[in-house]
Amino acid sequence: MSDPRVTLVLILLGVLLVVLGYWAIGVVKRSRRSMAPIAGMMLLLGAFFTADPPPPPPAESATPRPDEADEPKEPPTD
């Protein structure tokens, strides 16, 4: 593409992004009232249904055997 065509495409892309942004902001402002009940329900659900923490790793939840000593055992020597 030549220089004038690149410039024209970039200008058209910029104008398109500005128009799209203006339209999106208008849609968000108009739909804010209709989203209020949904936001309230989500807030209530978040207050009553909290996420459970993940279970501890197996190494932390394992109970030691009574015959095991606290000190590490030495490997057998041959």
PDB file of N, CA and C in Angstrom:
ATOM      1  N   MET A   1       0.846  -1.186   0.000  1.00  0.00           N
ATOM      2  CA  MET A   1       0.000   0.000   0.000  1.00  0.00           C
ATOM      3  C   MET A   1       0.883   1.237   0.000  1.00  0.00           C
ATOM      4  N   SER A   2       0.422   2.200  -0.693  1.00  0.00           N
ATOM      5  CA  SER A   2       1.195   3.436  -0.769  1.00  0.00           C
ATOM      6  C   SER A   2       0.927   4.302   0.459  1.00  0.00           C
ATOM      7  N   ASP A   3       1.676   5.368   0.571  1.00  0.00           N
ATOM      8  CA  ASP A   3       1.571   6.244   1.738  1.00  0.00           C
ATOM      9  C   ASP A   3       0.183   6.864   1.913  1.00  0.00           C
ATOM     10  N   PRO A   4      -0.439   7.436   0.881  1.00  0.00           N
ATOM     11  CA  PRO A   4      -1.767   8.034   1.087  1.00  0.00           C
ATOM     12  C   PRO A   4      -2.823   7.001   1.482  1.00  0.00           C
ATOM     13  N   ARG A   5      -2.701   5.780   0.971  1.00  0.00           N
ATOM     14  CA  ARG A   5      -3.692   4.760   1.317  1.00  0.00           C
ATOM     15  C   ARG A   5      -3.528   4.323   2.778  1.00  0.00           C
ATOM     16  N   VAL A   6      -2.318   4.208   3.242  1.00  0.00           N
ATOM     17  CA  VAL A   6      -2.084   3.847   4.642  1.00  0.00           C
ATOM     18  C   VAL A   6      -2.636   4.928   5.555  1.00  0.00           C
ATOM     19  N   THR A   7      -2.388   6.169   5.196  1.00  0.00           N
ATOM     20  CA  THR A   7      -2.895   7.288   5.995  1.00  0.00           C
ATOM     21  C   THR A   7      -4.421   7.290   6.017  1.00  0.00           C
ATOM     22  N   LEU A   8      -5.042   7.052   4.883  1.00  0.00           N
ATOM     23  CA  LEU A   8      -6.503   7.035   4.797  1.00  0.00           C
ATOM     24  C   LEU A   8      -7.079   5.889   5.635  1.00  0.00           C
ATOM     25  N   VAL A   9      -6.472   4.717   5.572  1.00  0.00           N
ATOM     26  CA  VAL A   9      -6.958   3.582   6.355  1.00  0.00           C
ATOM     27  C   VAL A   9      -6.815   3.865   7.848  1.00  0.00           C
ATOM     28  N   LEU A  10      -5.714   4.448   8.259  1.00  0.00           N
ATOM     29  CA  LEU A  10      -5.525   4.766   9.677  1.00  0.00           C
ATOM     30  C   LEU A  10      -6.517   5.815  10.160  1.00  0.00           C
ATOM     31  N   ILE A  11      -6.787   6.811   9.321  1.00  0.00           N
ATOM     32  CA  ILE A  11      -7.771   7.835   9.697  1.00  0.00           C
ATOM     33  C   ILE A  11      -9.158   7.219   9.810  1.00  0.00           C
ATOM     34  N   LEU A  12      -9.541   6.378   8.847  1.00  0.00           N
ATOM     35  CA  LEU A  12     -10.855   5.739   8.901  1.00  0.00           C
ATOM     36  C   LEU A  12     -10.965   4.807  10.113  1.00  0.00           C
ATOM     37  N   LEU A  13      -9.897   4.103  10.428  1.00  0.00           N
ATOM     38  CA  LEU A  13      -9.896   3.239  11.603  1.00  0.00           C
ATOM     39  C   LEU A  13     -10.054   4.061  12.886  1.00  0.00           C
ATOM     40  N   GLY A  14      -9.373   5.192  12.974  1.00  0.00           N
ATOM     41  CA  GLY A  14      -9.511   6.065  14.142  1.00  0.00           C
ATOM     42  C   GLY A  14     -10.921   6.606  14.288  1.00  0.00           C
ATOM     43  N   VAL A  15     -11.511   7.039  13.174  1.00  0.00           N
ATOM     44  CA  VAL A  15     -12.885   7.558  13.210  1.00  0.00           C
ATOM     45  C   VAL A  15     -13.849   6.452  13.625  1.00  0.00           C
ATOM     46  N   LEU A  16     -13.650   5.257  13.091  1.00  0.00           N
ATOM     47  CA  LEU A  16     -14.511   4.132  13.450  1.00  0.00           C
ATOM     48  C   LEU A  16     -14.404   3.812  14.940  1.00  0.00           C
ATOM     49  N   LEU A  17     -13.197   3.835  15.489  1.00  0.00           N
ATOM     50  CA  LEU A  17     -13.020   3.561  16.918  1.00  0.00           C
ATOM     51  C   LEU A  17     -13.661   4.646  17.783  1.00  0.00           C
ATOM     52  N   VAL A  18     -13.571   5.883  17.372  1.00  0.00           N
ATOM     53  CA  VAL A  18     -14.190   6.974  18.136  1.00  0.00           C
ATOM     54  C   VAL A  18     -15.706   6.825  18.127  1.00  0.00           C
ATOM     55  N   VAL A  19     -16.277   6.553  16.962  1.00  0.00           N
ATOM     56  CA  VAL A  19     -17.735   6.393  16.863  1.00  0.00           C
ATOM     57  C   VAL A  19     -18.188   5.179  17.667  1.00  0.00           C
ATOM     58  N   LEU A  20     -17.456   4.087  17.567  1.00  0.00           N
ATOM     59  CA  LEU A  20     -17.806   2.890  18.323  1.00  0.00           C
ATOM     60  C   LEU A  20     -17.712   3.141  19.832  1.00  0.00           C
ATOM     61  N   GLY A  21     -16.701   3.853  20.283  1.00  0.00           N
ATOM     62  CA  GLY A  21     -16.571   4.184  21.699  1.00  0.00           C
ATOM     63  C   GLY A  21     -17.694   5.080  22.187  1.00  0.00           C
ATOM     64  N   TYR A  22     -18.070   6.069  21.379  1.00  0.00           N
ATOM     65  CA  TYR A  22     -19.174   6.964  21.736  1.00  0.00           C
ATOM     66  C   TYR A  22     -20.480   6.175  21.859  1.00  0.00           C
ATOM     67  N   TRP A  23     -20.705   5.270  20.921  1.00  0.00           N
ATOM     68  CA  TRP A  23     -21.915   4.457  20.953  1.00  0.00           C
ATOM     69  C   TRP A  23     -21.911   3.533  22.182  1.00  0.00           C
ATOM     70  N   ALA A  24     -20.779   2.920  22.491  1.00  0.00           N
ATOM     71  CA  ALA A  24     -20.686   2.003  23.628  1.00  0.00           C
ATOM     72  C   ALA A  24     -20.930   2.728  24.950  1.00  0.00           C
ATOM     73  N   ILE A  25     -20.401   3.934  25.086  1.00  0.00           N
ATOM     74  CA  ILE A  25     -20.619   4.706  26.318  1.00  0.00           C
ATOM     75  C   ILE A  25     -22.099   5.046  26.465  1.00  0.00           C
ATOM     76  N   GLY A  26     -22.752   5.399  25.370  1.00  0.00           N
ATOM     77  CA  GLY A  26     -24.188   5.692  25.420  1.00  0.00           C
ATOM     78  C   GLY A  26     -25.007   4.473  25.802  1.00  0.00           C
ATOM     79  N   VAL A  27     -24.653   3.320  25.273  1.00  0.00           N
ATOM     80  CA  VAL A  27     -25.381   2.090  25.606  1.00  0.00           C
ATOM     81  C   VAL A  27     -25.201   1.755  27.083  1.00  0.00           C
ATOM     82  N   VAL A  28     -23.995   1.911  27.594  1.00  0.00           N
ATOM     83  CA  VAL A  28     -23.744   1.606  29.004  1.00  0.00           C
ATOM     84  C   VAL A  28     -24.522   2.553  29.907  1.00  0.00           C
ATOM     85  N   LYS A  29     -24.580   3.809  29.567  1.00  0.00           N
ATOM     86  CA  LYS A  29     -25.318   4.771  30.395  1.00  0.00           C
ATOM     87  C   LYS A  29     -26.811   4.469  30.396  1.00  0.00           C
ATOM     88  N   ARG A  30     -27.357   4.057  29.250  1.00  0.00           N
ATOM     89  CA  ARG A  30     -28.788   3.746  29.184  1.00  0.00           C
ATOM     90  C   ARG A  30     -29.121   2.445  29.891  1.00  0.00           C
ATOM     91  N   SER A  31     -28.225   1.483  29.887  1.00  0.00           N
ATOM     92  CA  SER A  31     -28.536   0.173  30.454  1.00  0.00           C
ATOM     93  C   SER A  31     -28.189   0.073  31.934  1.00  0.00           C
ATOM     94  N   ARG A  32     -27.677   1.117  32.519  1.00  0.00           N
ATOM     95  CA  ARG A  32     -27.266   1.052  33.923  1.00  0.00           C
ATOM     96  C   ARG A  32     -28.458   0.776  34.840  1.00  0.00           C
ATOM     97  N   ARG A  33     -29.621   1.353  34.541  1.00  0.00           N
ATOM     98  CA  ARG A  33     -30.789   1.144  35.395  1.00  0.00           C
ATOM     99  C   ARG A  33     -31.295  -0.287  35.297  1.00  0.00           C
ATOM    100  N   SER A  34     -31.224  -0.877  34.139  1.00  0.00           N
ATOM    101  CA  SER A  34     -31.737  -2.238  33.980  1.00  0.00           C
ATOM    102  C   SER A  34     -30.821  -3.270  34.620  1.00  0.00           C
ATOM    103  N   MET A  35     -29.581  -2.931  34.893  1.00  0.00           N
ATOM    104  CA  MET A  35     -28.643  -3.871  35.500  1.00  0.00           C
ATOM    105  C   MET A  35     -28.683  -3.832  37.024  1.00  0.00           C
ATOM    106  N   ALA A  36     -29.365  -2.878  37.618  1.00  0.00           N
ATOM    107  CA  ALA A  36     -29.374  -2.745  39.079  1.00  0.00           C
ATOM    108  C   ALA A  36     -29.969  -3.962  39.780  1.00  0.00           C
ATOM    109  N   PRO A  37     -31.097  -4.516  39.345  1.00  0.00           N
ATOM    110  CA  PRO A  37     -31.607  -5.710  40.042  1.00  0.00           C
ATOM    111  C   PRO A  37     -30.659  -6.899  39.950  1.00  0.00           C
ATOM    112  N   ILE A  38     -30.031  -7.060  38.809  1.00  0.00           N
ATOM    113  CA  ILE A  38     -29.096  -8.167  38.646  1.00  0.00           C
ATOM    114  C   ILE A  38     -27.887  -7.976  39.561  1.00  0.00           C
ATOM    115  N   ALA A  39     -27.408  -6.744  39.657  1.00  0.00           N
ATOM    116  CA  ALA A  39     -26.260  -6.480  40.534  1.00  0.00           C
ATOM    117  C   ALA A  39     -26.625  -6.738  41.991  1.00  0.00           C
ATOM    118  N   GLY A  40     -27.843  -6.375  42.400  1.00  0.00           N
ATOM    119  CA  GLY A  40     -28.286  -6.638  43.769  1.00  0.00           C
ATOM    120  C   GLY A  40     -28.381  -8.115  44.069  1.00  0.00           C
ATOM    121  N   MET A  41     -28.900  -8.885  43.107  1.00  0.00           N
ATOM    122  CA  MET A  41     -28.990 -10.331  43.316  1.00  0.00           C
ATOM    123  C   MET A  41     -27.605 -10.958  43.407  1.00  0.00           C
ATOM    124  N   MET A  42     -26.681 -10.499  42.586  1.00  0.00           N
ATOM    125  CA  MET A  42     -25.326 -11.037  42.644  1.00  0.00           C
ATOM    126  C   MET A  42     -24.666 -10.688  43.971  1.00  0.00           C
ATOM    127  N   LEU A  43     -24.945  -9.498  44.479  1.00  0.00           N
ATOM    128  CA  LEU A  43     -24.399  -9.098  45.776  1.00  0.00           C
ATOM    129  C   LEU A  43     -24.929  -9.993  46.889  1.00  0.00           C
ATOM    130  N   LEU A  44     -26.242 -10.278  46.856  1.00  0.00           N
ATOM    131  CA  LEU A  44     -26.815 -11.163  47.860  1.00  0.00           C
ATOM    132  C   LEU A  44     -26.250 -12.575  47.750  1.00  0.00           C
ATOM    133  N   LEU A  45     -26.113 -13.066  46.539  1.00  0.00           N
ATOM    134  CA  LEU A  45     -25.550 -14.401  46.366  1.00  0.00           C
ATOM    135  C   LEU A  45     -24.115 -14.457  46.880  1.00  0.00           C
ATOM    136  N   GLY A  46     -23.364 -13.407  46.652  1.00  0.00           N
ATOM    137  CA  GLY A  46     -21.991 -13.375  47.122  1.00  0.00           C
ATOM    138  C   GLY A  46     -21.903 -13.299  48.636  1.00  0.00           C
ATOM    139  N   ALA A  47     -22.914 -12.697  49.273  1.00  0.00           N
ATOM    140  CA  ALA A  47     -22.887 -12.581  50.729  1.00  0.00           C
ATOM    141  C   ALA A  47     -23.239 -13.906  51.402  1.00  0.00           C
ATOM    142  N   PHE A  48     -24.143 -14.679  50.800  1.00  0.00           N
ATOM    143  CA  PHE A  48     -24.605 -15.901  51.445  1.00  0.00           C
ATOM    144  C   PHE A  48     -23.882 -17.152  50.968  1.00  0.00           C
ATOM    145  N   PHE A  49     -23.434 -17.166  49.738  1.00  0.00           N
ATOM    146  CA  PHE A  49     -22.766 -18.335  49.202  1.00  0.00           C
ATOM    147  C   PHE A  49     -21.298 -18.012  48.981  1.00  0.00           C
ATOM    148  N   THR A  50     -20.532 -18.098  50.033  1.00  0.00           N
ATOM    149  CA  THR A  50     -19.102 -17.802  49.915  1.00  0.00           C
ATOM    150  C   THR A  50     -18.367 -19.026  49.392  1.00  0.00           C
ATOM    151  N   ALA A  51     -17.270 -18.806  48.761  1.00  0.00           N
ATOM    152  CA  ALA A  51     -16.476 -19.901  48.216  1.00  0.00           C
ATOM    153  C   ALA A  51     -15.744 -20.603  49.343  1.00  0.00           C
ATOM    154  N   ASP A  52     -15.771 -21.924  49.317  1.00  0.00           N
ATOM    155  CA  ASP A  52     -15.042 -22.704  50.311  1.00  0.00           C
ATOM    156  C   ASP A  52     -13.562 -22.703  49.964  1.00  0.00           C
ATOM    157  N   PRO A  53     -12.711 -22.640  50.973  1.00  0.00           N
ATOM    158  CA  PRO A  53     -11.277 -22.713  50.670  1.00  0.00           C
ATOM    159  C   PRO A  53     -10.931 -24.116  50.188  1.00  0.00           C
ATOM    160  N   PRO A  54      -9.895 -24.258  49.405  1.00  0.00           N
ATOM    161  CA  PRO A  54      -9.524 -25.592  48.927  1.00  0.00           C
ATOM    162  C   PRO A  54      -9.031 -26.459  50.086  1.00  0.00           C
ATOM    163  N   PRO A  55      -9.155 -27.762  49.955  1.00  0.00           N
ATOM    164  CA  PRO A  55      -8.680 -28.624  51.039  1.00  0.00           C
ATOM    165  C   PRO A  55      -7.158 -28.542  51.158  1.00  0.00           C
ATOM    166  N   PRO A  56      -6.635 -28.809  52.335  1.00  0.00           N
ATOM    167  CA  PRO A  56      -5.176 -28.732  52.500  1.00  0.00           C
ATOM    168  C   PRO A  56      -4.494 -29.829  51.691  1.00  0.00           C
ATOM    169  N   PRO A  57      -3.249 -29.628  51.331  1.00  0.00           N
ATOM    170  CA  PRO A  57      -2.520 -30.667  50.611  1.00  0.00           C
ATOM    171  C   PRO A  57      -2.411 -31.933  51.451  1.00  0.00           C
ATOM    172  N   PRO A  58      -2.248 -33.095  50.820  1.00  0.00           N
ATOM    173  CA  PRO A  58      -2.182 -34.344  51.587  1.00  0.00           C
ATOM    174  C   PRO A  58      -1.054 -34.367  52.616  1.00  0.00           C
ATOM    175  N   ALA A  59       0.037 -33.689  52.345  1.00  0.00           N
ATOM    176  CA  ALA A  59       1.156 -33.702  53.288  1.00  0.00           C
ATOM    177  C   ALA A  59       0.786 -33.005  54.590  1.00  0.00           C
ATOM    178  N   GLU A  60      -0.056 -31.994  54.534  1.00  0.00           N
ATOM    179  CA  GLU A  60      -0.422 -31.273  55.754  1.00  0.00           C
ATOM    180  C   GLU A  60      -1.532 -31.970  56.530  1.00  0.00           C
ATOM    181  N   SER A  61      -2.361 -32.744  55.848  1.00  0.00           N
ATOM    182  CA  SER A  61      -3.478 -33.378  56.536  1.00  0.00           C
ATOM    183  C   SER A  61      -3.170 -34.806  56.964  1.00  0.00           C
ATOM    184  N   ALA A  62      -2.010 -35.327  56.610  1.00  0.00           N
ATOM    185  CA  ALA A  62      -1.660 -36.700  56.986  1.00  0.00           C
ATOM    186  C   ALA A  62      -1.304 -36.755  58.464  1.00  0.00           C
ATOM    187  N   THR A  63      -1.813 -37.772  59.123  1.00  0.00           N
ATOM    188  CA  THR A  63      -1.475 -37.949  60.533  1.00  0.00           C
ATOM    189  C   THR A  63      -0.277 -38.889  60.637  1.00  0.00           C
ATOM    190  N   PRO A  64       0.670 -38.601  61.503  1.00  0.00           N
ATOM    191  CA  PRO A  64       1.845 -39.470  61.613  1.00  0.00           C
ATOM    192  C   PRO A  64       1.474 -40.814  62.257  1.00  0.00           C
ATOM    193  N   ARG A  65       2.187 -41.830  61.896  1.00  0.00           N
ATOM    194  CA  ARG A  65       1.967 -43.148  62.496  1.00  0.00           C
ATOM    195  C   ARG A  65       2.594 -43.165  63.884  1.00  0.00           C
ATOM    196  N   PRO A  66       2.011 -43.896  64.794  1.00  0.00           N
ATOM    197  CA  PRO A  66       2.565 -43.889  66.167  1.00  0.00           C
ATOM    198  C   PRO A  66       3.970 -44.480  66.260  1.00  0.00           C
ATOM    199  N   ASP A  67       4.342 -45.397  65.360  1.00  0.00           N
ATOM    200  CA  ASP A  67       5.661 -46.014  65.473  1.00  0.00           C
ATOM    201  C   ASP A  67       6.758 -45.188  64.808  1.00  0.00           C
ATOM    202  N   GLU A  68       6.406 -44.127  64.142  1.00  0.00           N
ATOM    203  CA  GLU A  68       7.417 -43.300  63.471  1.00  0.00           C
ATOM    204  C   GLU A  68       8.001 -42.299  64.465  1.00  0.00           C
ATOM    205  N   ALA A  69       9.296 -42.153  64.427  1.00  0.00           N
ATOM    206  CA  ALA A  69       9.968 -41.173  65.287  1.00  0.00           C
ATOM    207  C   ALA A  69       9.978 -39.819  64.576  1.00  0.00           C
ATOM    208  N   ASP A  70      10.234 -38.771  65.336  1.00  0.00           N
ATOM    209  CA  ASP A  70      10.298 -37.447  64.756  1.00  0.00           C
ATOM    210  C   ASP A  70      11.537 -37.235  63.942  1.00  0.00           C
ATOM    211  N   GLU A  71      12.583 -37.955  64.277  1.00  0.00           N
ATOM    212  CA  GLU A  71      13.858 -37.770  63.559  1.00  0.00           C
ATOM    213  C   GLU A  71      13.845 -38.611  62.280  1.00  0.00           C
ATOM    214  N   PRO A  72      14.488 -38.121  61.233  1.00  0.00           N
ATOM    215  CA  PRO A  72      14.530 -38.898  59.996  1.00  0.00           C
ATOM    216  C   PRO A  72      15.399 -40.154  60.178  1.00  0.00           C
ATOM    217  N   LYS A  73      14.978 -41.220  59.528  1.00  0.00           N
ATOM    218  CA  LYS A  73      15.712 -42.475  59.640  1.00  0.00           C
ATOM    219  C   LYS A  73      16.899 -42.449  58.688  1.00  0.00           C
ATOM    220  N   GLU A  74      17.969 -43.117  59.096  1.00  0.00           N
ATOM    221  CA  GLU A  74      19.143 -43.205  58.237  1.00  0.00           C
ATOM    222  C   GLU A  74      18.952 -44.348  57.244  1.00  0.00           C
ATOM    223  N   PRO A  75      19.417 -44.162  56.025  1.00  0.00           N
ATOM    224  CA  PRO A  75      19.256 -45.256  55.054  1.00  0.00           C
ATOM    225  C   PRO A  75      20.110 -46.437  55.458  1.00  0.00           C
ATOM    226  N   PRO A  76      19.682 -47.657  55.153  1.00  0.00           N
ATOM    227  CA  PRO A  76      20.476 -48.833  55.535  1.00  0.00           C
ATOM    228  C   PRO A  76      21.786 -48.866  54.781  1.00  0.00           C
ATOM    229  N   THR A  77      22.833 -49.236  55.476  1.00  0.00           N
ATOM    230  CA  THR A  77      24.163 -49.338  54.847  1.00  0.00           C
ATOM    231  C   THR A  77      24.463 -50.796  54.549  1.00  0.00           C
ATOM    232  N   ASP A  78      24.969 -51.080  53.395  1.00  0.00           N
ATOM    233  CA  ASP A  78      25.301 -52.455  53.010  1.00  0.00           C
ATOM    234  C   ASP A  78      26.776 -52.713  53.126  1.00  0.00           C
TER     235      ASP A  78
END
